[in-house]
Amino acid sequence: MKFFNNAETPWNELEDGIRRKVVGHTPQLMSVIMEFDKGAVGTPHSHEIHDQIAYVIAGSFEAIIDGKVRILKVGDAFIAPHHTSHGVTALEEKSMLLDQFSPIREDYLT
């Protein structure tokens, strides 16, 4: 896949007000758009092998990274290397993150 067309790519409905679209991937890098309803929670968790950078492209989030809480707005990001606890709560309707993963999340491709 060499191009991503947002208008032609349907949302993958997850649970509790969260949706995602895989933008694209190579064997070592993946980009994913995540959309959250206001109040939707990305429960704190960590990854065994995946490094993650999440960049806010719409709305705002309360993010908790290794126990530190910050409010992130459009243009802000968090960095969560593997084994780093991270989670978010959407503060506005249709808040969106552009998540980058390395290596790719194989579970997102099924």
PDB file of N, CA and C in Angstrom:
ATOM      1  N   MET A   1       0.847  -1.178   0.000  1.00  0.00           N
ATOM      2  CA  MET A   1       0.000   0.000   0.000  1.00  0.00           C
ATOM      3  C   MET A   1       0.890   1.237   0.000  1.00  0.00           C
ATOM      4  N   LYS A   2       0.833   2.016  -1.074  1.00  0.00           N
ATOM      5  CA  LYS A   2       1.694   3.189  -1.214  1.00  0.00           C
ATOM      6  C   LYS A   2       1.001   4.490  -0.853  1.00  0.00           C
ATOM      7  N   PHE A   3      -0.342   4.507  -0.869  1.00  0.00           N
ATOM      8  CA  PHE A   3      -1.098   5.710  -0.559  1.00  0.00           C
ATOM      9  C   PHE A   3      -2.225   5.356   0.416  1.00  0.00           C
ATOM     10  N   PHE A   4      -2.596   6.335   1.239  1.00  0.00           N
ATOM     11  CA  PHE A   4      -3.716   6.193   2.164  1.00  0.00           C
ATOM     12  C   PHE A   4      -4.743   7.248   1.802  1.00  0.00           C
ATOM     13  N   ASN A   5      -5.987   6.843   1.589  1.00  0.00           N
ATOM     14  CA  ASN A   5      -7.075   7.760   1.311  1.00  0.00           C
ATOM     15  C   ASN A   5      -8.035   7.719   2.496  1.00  0.00           C
ATOM     16  N   ASN A   6      -8.006   8.756   3.310  1.00  0.00           N
ATOM     17  CA  ASN A   6      -8.804   8.789   4.526  1.00  0.00           C
ATOM     18  C   ASN A   6     -10.295   8.644   4.240  1.00  0.00           C
ATOM     19  N   ALA A   7     -10.797   9.330   3.212  1.00  0.00           N
ATOM     20  CA  ALA A   7     -12.239   9.299   2.899  1.00  0.00           C
ATOM     21  C   ALA A   7     -12.714   7.915   2.490  1.00  0.00           C
ATOM     22  N   GLU A   8     -11.834   7.116   1.924  1.00  0.00           N
ATOM     23  CA  GLU A   8     -12.218   5.780   1.448  1.00  0.00           C
ATOM     24  C   GLU A   8     -11.905   4.671   2.448  1.00  0.00           C
ATOM     25  N   THR A   9     -11.334   5.023   3.581  1.00  0.00           N
ATOM     26  CA  THR A   9     -10.951   4.016   4.581  1.00  0.00           C
ATOM     27  C   THR A   9     -11.932   4.059   5.747  1.00  0.00           C
ATOM     28  N   PRO A  10     -12.673   2.971   5.976  1.00  0.00           N
ATOM     29  CA  PRO A  10     -13.649   2.974   7.076  1.00  0.00           C
ATOM     30  C   PRO A  10     -12.956   2.873   8.442  1.00  0.00           C
ATOM     31  N   TRP A  11     -13.647   3.369   9.447  1.00  0.00           N
ATOM     32  CA  TRP A  11     -13.172   3.220  10.820  1.00  0.00           C
ATOM     33  C   TRP A  11     -13.350   1.777  11.276  1.00  0.00           C
ATOM     34  N   ASN A  12     -12.420   1.286  12.039  1.00  0.00           N
ATOM     35  CA  ASN A  12     -12.538   0.003  12.717  1.00  0.00           C
ATOM     36  C   ASN A  12     -13.026   0.330  14.126  1.00  0.00           C
ATOM     37  N   GLU A  13     -14.292   0.030  14.418  1.00  0.00           N
ATOM     38  CA  GLU A  13     -14.875   0.329  15.736  1.00  0.00           C
ATOM     39  C   GLU A  13     -14.273  -0.605  16.777  1.00  0.00           C
ATOM     40  N   LEU A  14     -13.726  -0.026  17.821  1.00  0.00           N
ATOM     41  CA  LEU A  14     -13.178  -0.821  18.910  1.00  0.00           C
ATOM     42  C   LEU A  14     -14.234  -0.869  20.008  1.00  0.00           C
ATOM     43  N   GLU A  15     -13.879  -0.497  21.198  1.00  0.00           N
ATOM     44  CA  GLU A  15     -14.859  -0.510  22.286  1.00  0.00           C
ATOM     45  C   GLU A  15     -14.834   0.815  23.015  1.00  0.00           C
ATOM     46  N   ASP A  16     -15.904   1.095  23.713  1.00  0.00           N
ATOM     47  CA  ASP A  16     -15.986   2.249  24.605  1.00  0.00           C
ATOM     48  C   ASP A  16     -15.630   3.571  23.943  1.00  0.00           C
ATOM     49  N   GLY A  17     -16.134   3.809  22.716  1.00  0.00           N
ATOM     50  CA  GLY A  17     -15.972   5.108  22.088  1.00  0.00           C
ATOM     51  C   GLY A  17     -14.631   5.358  21.427  1.00  0.00           C
ATOM     52  N   ILE A  18     -13.963   4.300  20.989  1.00  0.00           N
ATOM     53  CA  ILE A  18     -12.656   4.436  20.331  1.00  0.00           C
ATOM     54  C   ILE A  18     -12.719   3.744  18.970  1.00  0.00           C
ATOM     55  N   ARG A  19     -12.141   4.415  17.957  1.00  0.00           N
ATOM     56  CA  ARG A  19     -12.079   3.892  16.597  1.00  0.00           C
ATOM     57  C   ARG A  19     -10.647   4.036  16.074  1.00  0.00           C
ATOM     58  N   ARG A  20     -10.283   3.204  15.064  1.00  0.00           N
ATOM     59  CA  ARG A  20      -8.955   3.353  14.480  1.00  0.00           C
ATOM     60  C   ARG A  20      -8.976   3.088  12.985  1.00  0.00           C
ATOM     61  N   LYS A  21      -7.990   3.686  12.305  1.00  0.00           N
ATOM     62  CA  LYS A  21      -7.706   3.442  10.898  1.00  0.00           C
ATOM     63  C   LYS A  21      -6.198   3.244  10.777  1.00  0.00           C
ATOM     64  N   VAL A  22      -5.793   2.141  10.168  1.00  0.00           N
ATOM     65  CA  VAL A  22      -4.368   1.948   9.885  1.00  0.00           C
ATOM     66  C   VAL A  22      -4.049   2.771   8.640  1.00  0.00           C
ATOM     67  N   VAL A  23      -3.137   3.722   8.790  1.00  0.00           N
ATOM     68  CA  VAL A  23      -2.741   4.604   7.695  1.00  0.00           C
ATOM     69  C   VAL A  23      -1.813   3.869   6.737  1.00  0.00           C
ATOM     70  N   GLY A  24      -0.876   3.130   7.299  1.00  0.00           N
ATOM     71  CA  GLY A  24       0.070   2.384   6.488  1.00  0.00           C
ATOM     72  C   GLY A  24       1.137   1.768   7.367  1.00  0.00           C
ATOM     73  N   HIS A  25       1.937   0.890   6.754  1.00  0.00           N
ATOM     74  CA  HIS A  25       2.988   0.240   7.521  1.00  0.00           C
ATOM     75  C   HIS A  25       4.054  -0.324   6.601  1.00  0.00           C
ATOM     76  N   THR A  26       5.222  -0.478   7.190  1.00  0.00           N
ATOM     77  CA  THR A  26       6.316  -1.238   6.610  1.00  0.00           C
ATOM     78  C   THR A  26       6.592  -2.338   7.634  1.00  0.00           C
ATOM     79  N   PRO A  27       7.554  -3.204   7.417  1.00  0.00           N
ATOM     80  CA  PRO A  27       7.831  -4.221   8.436  1.00  0.00           C
ATOM     81  C   PRO A  27       8.272  -3.640   9.792  1.00  0.00           C
ATOM     82  N   GLN A  28       8.800  -2.418   9.799  1.00  0.00           N
ATOM     83  CA  GLN A  28       9.331  -1.860  11.040  1.00  0.00           C
ATOM     84  C   GLN A  28       8.576  -0.653  11.595  1.00  0.00           C
ATOM     85  N   LEU A  29       7.632  -0.094  10.831  1.00  0.00           N
ATOM     86  CA  LEU A  29       6.960   1.134  11.254  1.00  0.00           C
ATOM     87  C   LEU A  29       5.492   1.096  10.855  1.00  0.00           C
ATOM     88  N   MET A  30       4.620   1.589  11.758  1.00  0.00           N
ATOM     89  CA  MET A  30       3.187   1.627  11.483  1.00  0.00           C
ATOM     90  C   MET A  30       2.620   2.963  11.950  1.00  0.00           C
ATOM     91  N   SER A  31       1.712   3.542  11.136  1.00  0.00           N
ATOM     92  CA  SER A  31       0.971   4.749  11.498  1.00  0.00           C
ATOM     93  C   SER A  31      -0.506   4.403  11.606  1.00  0.00           C
ATOM     94  N   VAL A  32      -1.140   4.888  12.674  1.00  0.00           N
ATOM     95  CA  VAL A  32      -2.540   4.571  12.951  1.00  0.00           C
ATOM     96  C   VAL A  32      -3.238   5.826  13.461  1.00  0.00           C
ATOM     97  N   ILE A  33      -4.414   6.137  12.898  1.00  0.00           N
ATOM     98  CA  ILE A  33      -5.239   7.226  13.421  1.00  0.00           C
ATOM     99  C   ILE A  33      -6.209   6.620  14.433  1.00  0.00           C
ATOM    100  N   MET A  34      -6.254   7.219  15.617  1.00  0.00           N
ATOM    101  CA  MET A  34      -7.182   6.801  16.664  1.00  0.00           C
ATOM    102  C   MET A  34      -8.125   7.962  16.951  1.00  0.00           C
ATOM    103  N   GLU A  35      -9.443   7.689  16.954  1.00  0.00           N
ATOM    104  CA  GLU A  35     -10.439   8.713  17.265  1.00  0.00           C
ATOM    105  C   GLU A  35     -11.188   8.302  18.524  1.00  0.00           C
ATOM    106  N   PHE A  36     -11.412   9.272  19.416  1.00  0.00           N
ATOM    107  CA  PHE A  36     -12.025   9.020  20.717  1.00  0.00           C
ATOM    108  C   PHE A  36     -13.247   9.901  20.910  1.00  0.00           C
ATOM    109  N   ASP A  37     -14.323   9.331  21.447  1.00  0.00           N
ATOM    110  CA  ASP A  37     -15.431  10.136  21.931  1.00  0.00           C
ATOM    111  C   ASP A  37     -14.972  10.855  23.196  1.00  0.00           C
ATOM    112  N   LYS A  38     -15.627  11.957  23.530  1.00  0.00           N
ATOM    113  CA  LYS A  38     -15.296  12.671  24.766  1.00  0.00           C
ATOM    114  C   LYS A  38     -15.453  11.719  25.946  1.00  0.00           C
ATOM    115  N   GLY A  39     -14.431  11.653  26.795  1.00  0.00           N
ATOM    116  CA  GLY A  39     -14.460  10.796  27.972  1.00  0.00           C
ATOM    117  C   GLY A  39     -13.974   9.380  27.737  1.00  0.00           C
ATOM    118  N   ALA A  40     -13.752   9.003  26.472  1.00  0.00           N
ATOM    119  CA  ALA A  40     -13.259   7.647  26.184  1.00  0.00           C
ATOM    120  C   ALA A  40     -11.843   7.501  26.748  1.00  0.00           C
ATOM    121  N   VAL A  41     -11.578   6.309  27.271  1.00  0.00           N
ATOM    122  CA  VAL A  41     -10.313   6.053  27.967  1.00  0.00           C
ATOM    123  C   VAL A  41      -9.506   4.990  27.241  1.00  0.00           C
ATOM    124  N   GLY A  42      -8.282   5.341  26.929  1.00  0.00           N
ATOM    125  CA  GLY A  42      -7.284   4.362  26.513  1.00  0.00           C
ATOM    126  C   GLY A  42      -6.594   3.913  27.791  1.00  0.00           C
ATOM    127  N   THR A  43      -7.028   2.780  28.326  1.00  0.00           N
ATOM    128  CA  THR A  43      -6.577   2.299  29.633  1.00  0.00           C
ATOM    129  C   THR A  43      -5.053   2.196  29.687  1.00  0.00           C
ATOM    130  N   PRO A  44      -4.440   2.678  30.775  1.00  0.00           N
ATOM    131  CA  PRO A  44      -2.976   2.576  30.887  1.00  0.00           C
ATOM    132  C   PRO A  44      -2.497   1.135  30.703  1.00  0.00           C
ATOM    133  N   HIS A  45      -1.438   1.006  29.925  1.00  0.00           N
ATOM    134  CA  HIS A  45      -0.852  -0.292  29.597  1.00  0.00           C
ATOM    135  C   HIS A  45       0.582  -0.056  29.135  1.00  0.00           C
ATOM    136  N   SER A  46       1.301  -1.115  28.873  1.00  0.00           N
ATOM    137  CA  SER A  46       2.639  -1.005  28.283  1.00  0.00           C
ATOM    138  C   SER A  46       2.780  -2.096  27.231  1.00  0.00           C
ATOM    139  N   HIS A  47       3.784  -1.951  26.386  1.00  0.00           N
ATOM    140  CA  HIS A  47       4.037  -2.919  25.324  1.00  0.00           C
ATOM    141  C   HIS A  47       5.350  -3.638  25.601  1.00  0.00           C
ATOM    142  N   GLU A  48       5.381  -4.918  25.296  1.00  0.00           N
ATOM    143  CA  GLU A  48       6.606  -5.702  25.467  1.00  0.00           C
ATOM    144  C   GLU A  48       7.688  -5.319  24.464  1.00  0.00           C
ATOM    145  N   ILE A  49       7.295  -5.128  23.191  1.00  0.00           N
ATOM    146  CA  ILE A  49       8.307  -4.871  22.168  1.00  0.00           C
ATOM    147  C   ILE A  49       8.073  -3.588  21.381  1.00  0.00           C
ATOM    148  N   HIS A  50       6.907  -2.979  21.493  1.00  0.00           N
ATOM    149  CA  HIS A  50       6.568  -1.832  20.646  1.00  0.00           C
ATOM    150  C   HIS A  50       6.911  -0.508  21.309  1.00  0.00           C
ATOM    151  N   ASP A  51       7.669   0.326  20.587  1.00  0.00           N
ATOM    152  CA  ASP A  51       7.840   1.718  20.962  1.00  0.00           C
ATOM    153  C   ASP A  51       6.681   2.474  20.325  1.00  0.00           C
ATOM    154  N   GLN A  52       6.195   3.526  20.994  1.00  0.00           N
ATOM    155  CA  GLN A  52       5.038   4.266  20.486  1.00  0.00           C
ATOM    156  C   GLN A  52       5.247   5.757  20.670  1.00  0.00           C
ATOM    157  N   ILE A  53       4.883   6.515  19.635  1.00  0.00           N
ATOM    158  CA  ILE A  53       4.764   7.965  19.732  1.00  0.00           C
ATOM    159  C   ILE A  53       3.335   8.297  19.326  1.00  0.00           C
ATOM    160  N   ALA A  54       2.643   9.079  20.154  1.00  0.00           N
ATOM    161  CA  ALA A  54       1.263   9.475  19.870  1.00  0.00           C
ATOM    162  C   ALA A  54       1.209  10.995  19.759  1.00  0.00           C
ATOM    163  N   TYR A  55       0.808  11.482  18.579  1.00  0.00           N
ATOM    164  CA  TYR A  55       0.773  12.904  18.259  1.00  0.00           C
ATOM    165  C   TYR A  55      -0.687  13.342  18.164  1.00  0.00           C
ATOM    166  N   VAL A  56      -1.063  14.390  18.891  1.00  0.00           N
ATOM    167  CA  VAL A  56      -2.451  14.861  18.920  1.00  0.00           C
ATOM    168  C   VAL A  56      -2.744  15.645  17.639  1.00  0.00           C
ATOM    169  N   ILE A  57      -3.733  15.165  16.863  1.00  0.00           N
ATOM    170  CA  ILE A  57      -4.100  15.852  15.624  1.00  0.00           C
ATOM    171  C   ILE A  57      -5.463  16.542  15.714  1.00  0.00           C
ATOM    172  N   ALA A  58      -6.234  16.265  16.765  1.00  0.00           N
ATOM    173  CA  ALA A  58      -7.513  16.952  16.990  1.00  0.00           C
ATOM    174  C   ALA A  58      -7.891  16.815  18.456  1.00  0.00           C
ATOM    175  N   GLY A  59      -8.582  17.812  18.981  1.00  0.00           N
ATOM    176  CA  GLY A  59      -9.066  17.735  20.360  1.00  0.00           C
ATOM    177  C   GLY A  59      -7.960  17.850  21.386  1.00  0.00           C
ATOM    178  N   SER A  60      -8.169  17.181  22.511  1.00  0.00           N
ATOM    179  CA  SER A  60      -7.181  17.195  23.595  1.00  0.00           C
ATOM    180  C   SER A  60      -7.344  15.947  24.453  1.00  0.00           C
ATOM    181  N   PHE A  61      -6.295  15.643  25.195  1.00  0.00           N
ATOM    182  CA  PHE A  61      -6.244  14.440  26.017  1.00  0.00           C
ATOM    183  C   PHE A  61      -5.582  14.725  27.353  1.00  0.00           C
ATOM    184  N   GLU A  62      -6.011  13.993  28.369  1.00  0.00           N
ATOM    185  CA  GLU A  62      -5.230  13.871  29.591  1.00  0.00           C
ATOM    186  C   GLU A  62      -4.419  12.597  29.403  1.00  0.00           C
ATOM    187  N   ALA A  63      -3.110  12.727  29.426  1.00  0.00           N
ATOM    188  CA  ALA A  63      -2.236  11.576  29.221  1.00  0.00           C
ATOM    189  C   ALA A  63      -1.499  11.263  30.512  1.00  0.00           C
ATOM    190  N   ILE A  64      -1.344   9.978  30.790  1.00  0.00           N
ATOM    191  CA  ILE A  64      -0.546   9.547  31.930  1.00  0.00           C
ATOM    192  C   ILE A  64       0.565   8.627  31.404  1.00  0.00           C
ATOM    193  N   ILE A  65       1.794   9.035  31.624  1.00  0.00           N
ATOM    194  CA  ILE A  65       2.964   8.301  31.152  1.00  0.00           C
ATOM    195  C   ILE A  65       3.854   8.049  32.363  1.00  0.00           C
ATOM    196  N   ASP A  66       4.053   6.782  32.672  1.00  0.00           N
ATOM    197  CA  ASP A  66       4.860   6.407  33.847  1.00  0.00           C
ATOM    198  C   ASP A  66       4.457   7.181  35.101  1.00  0.00           C
ATOM    199  N   GLY A  67       3.143   7.355  35.295  1.00  0.00           N
ATOM    200  CA  GLY A  67       2.631   8.009  36.488  1.00  0.00           C
ATOM    201  C   GLY A  67       2.581   9.523  36.420  1.00  0.00           C
ATOM    202  N   LYS A  68       3.101  10.131  35.364  1.00  0.00           N
ATOM    203  CA  LYS A  68       3.072  11.592  35.215  1.00  0.00           C
ATOM    204  C   LYS A  68       1.893  11.971  34.321  1.00  0.00           C
ATOM    205  N   VAL A  69       1.096  12.944  34.785  1.00  0.00           N
ATOM    206  CA  VAL A  69      -0.109  13.369  34.064  1.00  0.00           C
ATOM    207  C   VAL A  69       0.150  14.710  33.393  1.00  0.00           C
ATOM    208  N   ARG A  70      -0.266  14.803  32.129  1.00  0.00           N
ATOM    209  CA  ARG A  70      -0.164  16.051  31.366  1.00  0.00           C
ATOM    210  C   ARG A  70      -1.404  16.200  30.495  1.00  0.00           C
ATOM    211  N   ILE A  71      -1.782  17.434  30.221  1.00  0.00           N
ATOM    212  CA  ILE A  71      -2.823  17.724  29.237  1.00  0.00           C
ATOM    213  C   ILE A  71      -2.111  17.954  27.906  1.00  0.00           C
ATOM    214  N   LEU A  72      -2.545  17.211  26.884  1.00  0.00           N
ATOM    215  CA  LEU A  72      -1.961  17.333  25.552  1.00  0.00           C
ATOM    216  C   LEU A  72      -2.990  17.918  24.603  1.00  0.00           C
ATOM    217  N   LYS A  73      -2.576  18.932  23.835  1.00  0.00           N
ATOM    218  CA  LYS A  73      -3.437  19.592  22.856  1.00  0.00           C
ATOM    219  C   LYS A  73      -2.868  19.367  21.465  1.00  0.00           C
ATOM    220  N   VAL A  74      -3.587  19.833  20.447  1.00  0.00           N
ATOM    221  CA  VAL A  74      -3.145  19.665  19.064  1.00  0.00           C
ATOM    222  C   VAL A  74      -1.688  20.121  18.921  1.00  0.00           C
ATOM    223  N   GLY A  75      -0.884  19.247  18.330  1.00  0.00           N
ATOM    224  CA  GLY A  75       0.536  19.528  18.137  1.00  0.00           C
ATOM    225  C   GLY A  75       1.422  18.946  19.211  1.00  0.00           C
ATOM    226  N   ASP A  76       0.836  18.497  20.325  1.00  0.00           N
ATOM    227  CA  ASP A  76       1.598  17.865  21.396  1.00  0.00           C
ATOM    228  C   ASP A  76       1.680  16.360  21.151  1.00  0.00           C
ATOM    229  N   ALA A  77       2.573  15.704  21.871  1.00  0.00           N
ATOM    230  CA  ALA A  77       2.741  14.251  21.710  1.00  0.00           C
ATOM    231  C   ALA A  77       3.255  13.645  23.002  1.00  0.00           C
ATOM    232  N   PHE A  78       3.145  12.323  23.085  1.00  0.00           N
ATOM    233  CA  PHE A  78       3.862  11.586  24.136  1.00  0.00           C
ATOM    234  C   PHE A  78       4.678  10.496  23.478  1.00  0.00           C
ATOM    235  N   ILE A  79       5.758  10.138  24.161  1.00  0.00           N
ATOM    236  CA  ILE A  79       6.656   9.093  23.696  1.00  0.00           C
ATOM    237  C   ILE A  79       6.650   7.997  24.750  1.00  0.00           C
ATOM    238  N   ALA A  80       6.351   6.764  24.322  1.00  0.00           N
ATOM    239  CA  ALA A  80       6.289   5.624  25.239  1.00  0.00           C
ATOM    240  C   ALA A  80       7.136   4.482  24.683  1.00  0.00           C
ATOM    241  N   PRO A  81       8.425   4.451  25.039  1.00  0.00           N
ATOM    242  CA  PRO A  81       9.223   3.286  24.645  1.00  0.00           C
ATOM    243  C   PRO A  81       8.623   2.009  25.251  1.00  0.00           C
ATOM    244  N   HIS A  82       8.977   0.850  24.699  1.00  0.00           N
ATOM    245  CA  HIS A  82       8.429  -0.398  25.234  1.00  0.00           C
ATOM    246  C   HIS A  82       8.699  -0.483  26.741  1.00  0.00           C
ATOM    247  N   HIS A  83       7.803  -1.149  27.446  1.00  0.00           N
ATOM    248  CA  HIS A  83       7.807  -1.293  28.908  1.00  0.00           C
ATOM    249  C   HIS A  83       7.456  -0.002  29.652  1.00  0.00           C
ATOM    250  N   THR A  84       6.961   1.023  28.964  1.00  0.00           N
ATOM    251  CA  THR A  84       6.569   2.281  29.596  1.00  0.00           C
ATOM    252  C   THR A  84       5.050   2.335  29.681  1.00  0.00           C
ATOM    253  N   SER A  85       4.522   2.477  30.885  1.00  0.00           N
ATOM    254  CA  SER A  85       3.081   2.564  31.077  1.00  0.00           C
ATOM    255  C   SER A  85       2.558   3.877  30.484  1.00  0.00           C
ATOM    256  N   HIS A  86       1.443   3.788  29.716  1.00  0.00           N
ATOM    257  CA  HIS A  86       0.861   4.972  29.098  1.00  0.00           C
ATOM    258  C   HIS A  86      -0.631   4.767  28.880  1.00  0.00           C
ATOM    259  N   GLY A  87      -1.379   5.860  28.968  1.00  0.00           N
ATOM    260  CA  GLY A  87      -2.813   5.830  28.733  1.00  0.00           C
ATOM    261  C   GLY A  87      -3.329   7.244  28.528  1.00  0.00           C
ATOM    262  N   VAL A  88      -4.548   7.362  27.993  1.00  0.00           N
ATOM    263  CA  VAL A  88      -5.135   8.678  27.728  1.00  0.00           C
ATOM    264  C   VAL A  88      -6.623   8.678  28.045  1.00  0.00           C
ATOM    265  N   THR A  89      -7.139   9.881  28.294  1.00  0.00           N
ATOM    266  CA  THR A  89      -8.575  10.129  28.379  1.00  0.00           C
ATOM    267  C   THR A  89      -8.874  11.312  27.466  1.00  0.00           C
ATOM    268  N   ALA A  90      -9.834  11.146  26.552  1.00  0.00           N
ATOM    269  CA  ALA A  90     -10.198  12.223  25.628  1.00  0.00           C
ATOM    270  C   ALA A  90     -10.987  13.288  26.372  1.00  0.00           C
ATOM    271  N   LEU A  91     -10.583  14.542  26.206  1.00  0.00           N
ATOM    272  CA  LEU A  91     -11.245  15.660  26.875  1.00  0.00           C
ATOM    273  C   LEU A  91     -12.265  16.357  25.983  1.00  0.00           C
ATOM    274  N   GLU A  92     -12.259  16.036  24.679  1.00  0.00           N
ATOM    275  CA  GLU A  92     -13.186  16.656  23.731  1.00  0.00           C
ATOM    276  C   GLU A  92     -13.721  15.579  22.794  1.00  0.00           C
ATOM    277  N   GLU A  93     -14.895  15.847  22.222  1.00  0.00           N
ATOM    278  CA  GLU A  93     -15.479  14.940  21.235  1.00  0.00           C
ATOM    279  C   GLU A  93     -14.576  14.879  20.003  1.00  0.00           C
ATOM    280  N   LYS A  94     -14.430  13.665  19.445  1.00  0.00           N
ATOM    281  CA  LYS A  94     -13.624  13.417  18.242  1.00  0.00           C
ATOM    282  C   LYS A  94     -12.166  13.837  18.408  1.00  0.00           C
ATOM    283  N   SER A  95     -11.635  13.640  19.604  1.00  0.00           N
ATOM    284  CA  SER A  95     -10.199  13.848  19.806  1.00  0.00           C
ATOM    285  C   SER A  95      -9.452  12.748  19.063  1.00  0.00           C
ATOM    286  N   MET A  96      -8.336  13.120  18.425  1.00  0.00           N
ATOM    287  CA  MET A  96      -7.629  12.157  17.577  1.00  0.00           C
ATOM    288  C   MET A  96      -6.129  12.158  17.836  1.00  0.00           C
ATOM    289  N   LEU A  97      -5.573  10.937  17.788  1.00  0.00           N
ATOM    290  CA  LEU A  97      -4.126  10.731  17.873  1.00  0.00           C
ATOM    291  C   LEU A  97      -3.636  10.097  16.581  1.00  0.00           C
ATOM    292  N   LEU A  98      -2.448  10.476  16.172  1.00  0.00           N
ATOM    293  CA  LEU A  98      -1.728   9.737  15.139  1.00  0.00           C
ATOM    294  C   LEU A  98      -0.676   8.933  15.880  1.00  0.00           C
ATOM    295  N   ASP A  99      -0.903   7.628  15.993  1.00  0.00           N
ATOM    296  CA  ASP A  99       0.023   6.736  16.697  1.00  0.00           C
ATOM    297  C   ASP A  99       1.045   6.174  15.716  1.00  0.00           C
ATOM    298  N   GLN A 100       2.289   6.142  16.153  1.00  0.00           N
ATOM    299  CA  GLN A 100       3.380   5.535  15.388  1.00  0.00           C
ATOM    300  C   GLN A 100       3.920   4.385  16.236  1.00  0.00           C
ATOM    301  N   PHE A 101       4.070   3.228  15.634  1.00  0.00           N
ATOM    302  CA  PHE A 101       4.582   2.049  16.339  1.00  0.00           C
ATOM    303  C   PHE A 101       5.787   1.478  15.614  1.00  0.00           C
ATOM    304  N   SER A 102       6.749   1.034  16.389  1.00  0.00           N
ATOM    305  CA  SER A 102       7.887   0.296  15.841  1.00  0.00           C
ATOM    306  C   SER A 102       8.241  -0.806  16.825  1.00  0.00           C
ATOM    307  N   PRO A 103       8.297  -2.065  16.375  1.00  0.00           N
ATOM    308  CA  PRO A 103       7.869  -2.533  15.060  1.00  0.00           C
ATOM    309  C   PRO A 103       6.351  -2.458  14.926  1.00  0.00           C
ATOM    310  N   ILE A 104       5.826  -2.919  13.793  1.00  0.00           N
ATOM    311  CA  ILE A 104       4.391  -2.801  13.546  1.00  0.00           C
ATOM    312  C   ILE A 104       3.585  -3.639  14.522  1.00  0.00           C
ATOM    313  N   ARG A 105       2.325  -3.255  14.706  1.00  0.00           N
ATOM    314  CA  ARG A 105       1.379  -3.992  15.527  1.00  0.00           C
ATOM    315  C   ARG A 105       0.680  -5.006  14.625  1.00  0.00           C
ATOM    316  N   GLU A 106       1.171  -6.219  14.597  1.00  0.00           N
ATOM    317  CA  GLU A 106       0.562  -7.271  13.782  1.00  0.00           C
ATOM    318  C   GLU A 106      -0.907  -7.473  14.145  1.00  0.00           C
ATOM    319  N   ASP A 107      -1.262  -7.289  15.428  1.00  0.00           N
ATOM    320  CA  ASP A 107      -2.639  -7.494  15.857  1.00  0.00           C
ATOM    321  C   ASP A 107      -3.594  -6.470  15.232  1.00  0.00           C
ATOM    322  N   TYR A 108      -3.110  -5.333  14.756  1.00  0.00           N
ATOM    323  CA  TYR A 108      -3.944  -4.335  14.111  1.00  0.00           C
ATOM    324  C   TYR A 108      -4.272  -4.702  12.660  1.00  0.00           C
ATOM    325  N   LEU A 109      -3.595  -5.694  12.113  1.00  0.00           N
ATOM    326  CA  LEU A 109      -3.782  -6.068  10.715  1.00  0.00           C
ATOM    327  C   LEU A 109      -4.807  -7.175  10.527  1.00  0.00           C
ATOM    328  N   THR A 110      -5.347  -7.720  11.617  1.00  0.00           N
ATOM    329  CA  THR A 110      -6.318  -8.812  11.502  1.00  0.00           C
ATOM    330  C   THR A 110      -7.742  -8.292  11.625  1.00  0.00           C
TER     331      THR A 110
END
